[in-house]
Amino acid sequence: MDKTIKETAQLHFKKMVLSYAEMCGSDKKAIDLFHVSKSTYYHWKRKYKKGGYKELLRQTPDRSKDPRCVPQETIDLVLKLRKEQKIGSKRIVWYLERYHGVTVSESSVTRILTKHGMSRLKPGTPKRRLHSKRYNKKSPGHHVQIDVKINIFIREGRKIKRFQYTAIDDATRIRALKIYDRHTQANAIDFVDYVIKLFPFRINNIRTDNGHEFQAKFHWHVEDLGMKHSYIKPGTPQLNGKVERSHRTDRK
């Protein structure tokens, strides 16, 4: 049935029920005769008293004032980022929060992209753009490599995992390290701030592998500080080589 015809029929039925109740002076008789639930009948009656029969029409909700509704400006930014930067929903959320002060959930971003036919990146699309070039110069701070080493300790039969973040300057071989109990971008950002304060020279380029801890949030943080962040190509020697695992036993 056509939507308009159905809504018109429903409106006539509501009018009939309310008119009969008014004519016989009994709400109960109208409810029993037309087999309408009490809650539905009194809902119609309240709406009728409020604004007449026009209030009985099904109203299209106005979502513009709904706090959960995403503003059009944010939708435009989401679509622009996907089109220009070729990044996924999670990175779009991070980017909007960092550079535009806009807070939106990842599920909302996904719904926006799906609605506009952009729910998935095409196969082979790079997850990010490499903004920096690789250098061969050997001056302090020109190249600082950061890597993570996983240490596993055995204590009283339990495995304890710790993550050693290490930074080393290619020219001077000055080294800094810090231990964390979690392997996250937040800790990687904290570590790079620690390295900047510790090293006695300005850092030009931070080089890392392609690990999850060195993704968008870390990348943007480094570049916002005026440094470059480049990802080491697979097969390039790193300061620790591959991720190492150390098995140690604490001694009392």
Protein backbone atom coordinates (compact mmCIF):
# COMPACT_ATOMS: atom_id res chain seq x y z
CA MET A 1 0.00 0.00 0.00
CA ASP A 2 1.22 3.49 -0.85
CA LYS A 3 2.57 5.30 2.21
CA THR A 4 0.31 8.35 1.71
CA ILE A 5 -2.82 6.20 1.32
CA LYS A 6 -1.94 4.22 4.43
CA GLU A 7 -1.38 7.36 6.52
CA THR A 8 -4.70 8.85 5.27
CA ALA A 9 -6.58 5.65 6.20
CA GLN A 10 -5.00 5.67 9.66
CA LEU A 11 -6.01 9.31 10.17
CA HIS A 12 -9.65 8.57 9.20
CA PHE A 13 -9.72 5.64 11.61
CA LYS A 14 -8.46 7.83 14.47
CA LYS A 15 -11.08 10.46 13.63
CA MET A 16 -13.81 7.80 13.62
CA VAL A 17 -12.80 6.47 17.06
CA LEU A 18 -12.59 9.92 18.66
CA SER A 19 -15.84 11.12 17.01
CA TYR A 20 -17.73 8.05 18.24
CA ALA A 21 -16.42 8.55 21.80
CA GLU A 22 -17.48 12.20 21.71
CA MET A 23 -20.88 11.35 20.28
CA CYS A 24 -21.77 8.68 22.87
CA GLY A 25 -19.91 10.40 25.70
CA SER A 26 -17.96 7.30 26.67
CA ASP A 27 -14.29 6.57 26.05
CA LYS A 28 -14.75 2.94 27.14
CA LYS A 29 -17.42 2.23 24.51
CA ALA A 30 -15.17 3.57 21.73
CA ILE A 31 -12.23 1.50 23.00
CA ASP A 32 -14.30 -1.69 23.18
CA LEU A 33 -16.05 -1.18 19.84
CA PHE A 34 -12.93 -0.42 17.80
CA HIS A 35 -10.61 -2.74 19.78
CA VAL A 36 -8.06 -0.01 20.52
CA SER A 37 -5.76 -0.23 23.52
CA LYS A 38 -6.35 2.31 26.28
CA SER A 39 -2.85 3.76 26.03
CA THR A 40 -3.20 4.27 22.27
CA TYR A 41 -6.67 5.80 22.56
CA TYR A 42 -5.69 8.31 25.26
CA HIS A 43 -2.51 9.15 23.33
CA TRP A 44 -4.66 10.08 20.33
CA LYS A 45 -7.05 12.03 22.57
CA ARG A 46 -4.22 14.09 24.10
CA LYS A 47 -2.84 14.93 20.68
CA TYR A 48 -6.33 15.88 19.42
CA LYS A 49 -6.90 18.24 22.36
CA LYS A 50 -3.47 19.77 21.81
CA GLY A 51 -3.83 20.69 18.13
CA GLY A 52 -6.86 19.12 16.52
CA TYR A 53 -6.89 16.40 13.89
CA LYS A 54 -3.69 17.64 12.24
CA GLU A 55 -1.81 16.49 15.36
CA LEU A 56 -2.96 12.94 14.63
CA LEU A 57 -0.92 12.81 11.44
CA ARG A 58 2.34 10.88 11.73
CA GLN A 59 5.01 13.50 12.25
CA THR A 60 8.43 13.19 10.66
CA PRO A 61 10.90 13.68 13.52
CA ASP A 62 13.15 16.73 13.34
CA ARG A 63 16.61 15.35 14.05
CA SER A 64 18.43 18.64 13.55
CA LYS A 65 18.18 19.34 17.30
CA ASP A 66 19.06 15.80 18.33
CA PRO A 67 22.46 15.85 20.12
CA ARG A 68 23.24 12.50 18.47
CA CYS A 69 22.75 13.96 15.00
CA VAL A 70 26.03 14.67 13.18
CA PRO A 71 26.16 18.25 11.79
CA GLN A 72 26.44 18.64 8.02
CA GLU A 73 29.80 20.42 8.43
CA THR A 74 31.22 17.32 10.12
CA ILE A 75 29.76 15.05 7.44
CA ASP A 76 31.46 17.17 4.76
CA LEU A 77 34.79 16.93 6.62
CA VAL A 78 34.49 13.14 6.94
CA LEU A 79 33.82 12.73 3.20
CA LYS A 80 36.64 15.13 2.32
CA LEU A 81 39.15 13.26 4.49
CA ARG A 82 38.20 9.90 2.99
CA LYS A 83 38.45 11.26 -0.54
CA GLU A 84 41.72 13.19 -0.12
CA GLN A 85 43.61 11.29 2.59
CA LYS A 86 42.36 7.74 1.89
CA ILE A 87 42.17 6.93 5.61
CA GLY A 88 39.82 4.67 7.55
CA SER A 89 37.12 5.49 10.10
CA LYS A 90 39.37 5.33 13.16
CA ARG A 91 41.99 7.66 11.68
CA ILE A 92 39.26 10.07 10.55
CA VAL A 93 38.03 10.24 14.17
CA TRP A 94 41.58 10.98 15.39
CA TYR A 95 42.19 13.57 12.68
CA LEU A 96 38.95 15.46 13.32
CA GLU A 97 39.64 15.57 17.05
CA ARG A 98 43.26 16.67 16.68
CA TYR A 99 43.05 19.22 13.85
CA HIS A 100 39.42 20.41 13.91
CA GLY A 101 38.40 19.99 17.55
CA VAL A 102 35.47 17.85 16.41
CA THR A 103 34.44 14.83 18.49
CA VAL A 104 32.51 12.13 16.65
CA SER A 105 32.26 8.38 17.25
CA GLU A 106 33.83 5.82 14.94
CA SER A 107 30.41 4.20 14.39
CA SER A 108 28.98 7.55 13.22
CA VAL A 109 31.85 7.99 10.76
CA THR A 110 31.27 4.46 9.46
CA ARG A 111 27.54 5.17 8.97
CA ILE A 112 28.33 8.39 7.09
CA LEU A 113 30.77 6.61 4.76
CA THR A 114 28.36 3.71 4.19
CA LYS A 115 25.46 6.07 3.40
CA HIS A 116 27.60 7.81 0.75
CA GLY A 117 28.92 4.57 -0.77
CA MET A 118 32.42 4.96 0.69
CA SER A 119 32.31 2.29 3.37
CA ARG A 120 35.43 0.48 2.18
CA LEU A 121 38.75 1.58 0.77
CA LYS A 122 39.64 0.10 -2.58
CA PRO A 123 42.03 -2.88 -2.45
CA GLY A 124 45.64 -1.72 -2.52
CA THR A 125 44.91 1.79 -1.18
CA PRO A 126 47.76 2.85 1.14
CA LYS A 127 46.68 3.52 4.72
CA ARG A 128 48.67 6.73 4.92
CA ARG A 129 50.89 9.00 2.92
CA LEU A 130 54.59 9.15 3.63
CA HIS A 131 55.26 12.82 4.17
CA SER A 132 59.01 12.59 4.68
CA LYS A 133 62.09 11.67 2.67
CA ARG A 134 64.84 9.39 3.92
CA TYR A 135 68.24 11.04 4.51
CA ASN A 136 71.81 9.75 4.43
CA LYS A 137 73.52 12.65 6.26
CA LYS A 138 75.34 11.95 9.51
CA SER A 139 74.75 14.97 11.73
CA PRO A 140 73.34 14.91 15.29
CA GLY A 141 69.58 14.74 15.30
CA HIS A 142 69.28 14.21 11.58
CA HIS A 143 68.09 10.65 12.06
CA VAL A 144 66.80 9.29 15.35
CA GLN A 145 65.49 5.75 15.19
CA ILE A 146 62.87 4.52 17.64
CA ASP A 147 62.09 0.86 18.12
CA VAL A 148 60.40 -1.40 20.66
CA LYS A 149 61.83 -4.49 22.29
CA ILE A 150 59.54 -6.96 24.06
CA ASN A 151 60.92 -8.35 27.32
CA ILE A 152 59.28 -11.34 28.96
CA PHE A 153 60.20 -12.09 32.57
CA ILE A 154 59.37 -15.32 34.38
CA ARG A 155 58.56 -14.74 38.03
CA GLU A 156 57.05 -17.34 40.31
CA GLY A 157 55.81 -19.26 37.28
CA ARG A 158 54.06 -16.23 35.75
CA LYS A 159 55.00 -14.45 32.55
CA ILE A 160 55.41 -10.70 32.91
CA LYS A 161 55.63 -8.73 29.67
CA ARG A 162 57.27 -5.30 29.46
CA PHE A 163 57.95 -3.07 26.43
CA GLN A 164 61.29 -1.32 26.11
CA TYR A 165 61.09 1.78 23.89
CA THR A 166 64.54 2.71 22.62
CA ALA A 167 65.75 5.76 20.65
CA ILE A 168 69.22 6.11 19.16
CA ASP A 169 70.80 8.92 17.17
CA ASP A 170 72.48 7.62 14.02
CA ALA A 171 75.36 10.11 14.18
CA THR A 172 76.34 10.31 17.87
CA ARG A 173 74.90 6.92 18.96
CA ILE A 174 73.35 8.67 21.96
CA ARG A 175 70.69 6.35 23.27
CA ALA A 176 67.56 6.72 25.42
CA LEU A 177 65.19 4.06 26.66
CA LYS A 178 62.09 3.76 28.80
CA ILE A 179 60.05 0.78 29.96
CA TYR A 180 56.26 0.60 29.64
CA ASP A 181 53.76 -2.04 30.65
CA ARG A 182 51.60 -1.43 27.57
CA HIS A 183 52.30 -1.26 23.84
CA THR A 184 50.24 1.74 22.64
CA GLN A 185 50.39 4.94 20.62
CA ALA A 186 49.90 6.94 23.83
CA ASN A 187 53.09 5.43 25.27
CA ALA A 188 54.96 6.00 22.00
CA ILE A 189 53.94 9.69 22.13
CA ASP A 190 55.04 9.91 25.77
CA PHE A 191 58.39 8.35 24.86
CA VAL A 192 59.12 10.72 21.98
CA ASP A 193 58.41 13.69 24.30
CA TYR A 194 60.85 12.15 26.79
CA VAL A 195 63.51 11.77 24.08
CA ILE A 196 63.12 15.39 22.93
CA LYS A 197 63.75 16.65 26.49
CA LEU A 198 66.67 14.27 27.00
CA PHE A 199 68.68 14.69 23.79
CA PRO A 200 71.07 17.71 23.81
CA PHE A 201 70.34 18.64 20.16
CA ARG A 202 67.35 19.33 17.95
CA ILE A 203 65.83 16.28 16.28
CA ASN A 204 64.98 16.61 12.59
CA ASN A 205 63.66 13.20 11.66
CA ILE A 206 62.13 10.35 13.69
CA ARG A 207 62.34 6.99 11.96
CA THR A 208 60.24 4.00 13.01
CA ASP A 209 58.97 0.72 11.68
CA ASN A 210 55.38 0.18 10.64
CA GLY A 211 54.15 -1.01 14.04
CA HIS A 212 50.70 -0.15 15.35
CA GLU A 213 52.23 2.06 18.06
CA PHE A 214 53.67 4.41 15.40
CA GLN A 215 50.48 5.02 13.42
CA ALA A 216 48.38 8.14 12.82
CA LYS A 217 48.27 9.66 16.33
CA PHE A 218 52.02 9.25 16.79
CA HIS A 219 52.74 10.43 13.23
CA TRP A 220 50.70 13.62 13.59
CA HIS A 221 52.17 14.34 17.05
CA VAL A 222 55.73 14.18 15.72
CA GLU A 223 55.00 16.39 12.71
CA ASP A 224 53.07 18.89 14.84
CA LEU A 225 56.24 19.29 16.92
CA GLY A 226 58.10 20.44 13.79
CA MET A 227 59.91 17.15 13.10
CA LYS A 228 59.54 14.68 10.27
CA HIS A 229 58.39 11.12 10.75
CA SER A 230 59.35 8.51 8.18
CA TYR A 231 58.61 4.80 8.11
CA ILE A 232 61.58 2.53 7.54
CA LYS A 233 61.17 0.41 4.43
CA PRO A 234 61.01 -3.36 4.98
CA GLY A 235 64.49 -4.86 4.96
CA THR A 236 66.23 -1.68 6.18
CA PRO A 237 68.51 -2.34 9.18
CA GLN A 238 67.04 -1.00 12.42
CA LEU A 239 68.63 -0.22 15.74
CA ASN A 240 67.40 -3.45 17.31
CA GLY A 241 66.82 -5.47 14.16
CA LYS A 242 63.64 -7.46 14.48
CA VAL A 243 61.55 -7.25 17.62
CA GLU A 244 63.44 -9.15 20.27
CA ARG A 245 62.08 -11.26 23.06
CA SER A 246 64.09 -11.69 26.23
CA HIS A 247 63.22 -14.47 28.64
CA ARG A 248 64.53 -13.71 32.12
CA THR A 249 63.88 -15.03 35.58
CA ASP A 250 63.86 -12.60 38.51
CA ARG A 251 66.12 -13.63 41.30
CA LYS A 252 65.31 -12.85 44.88
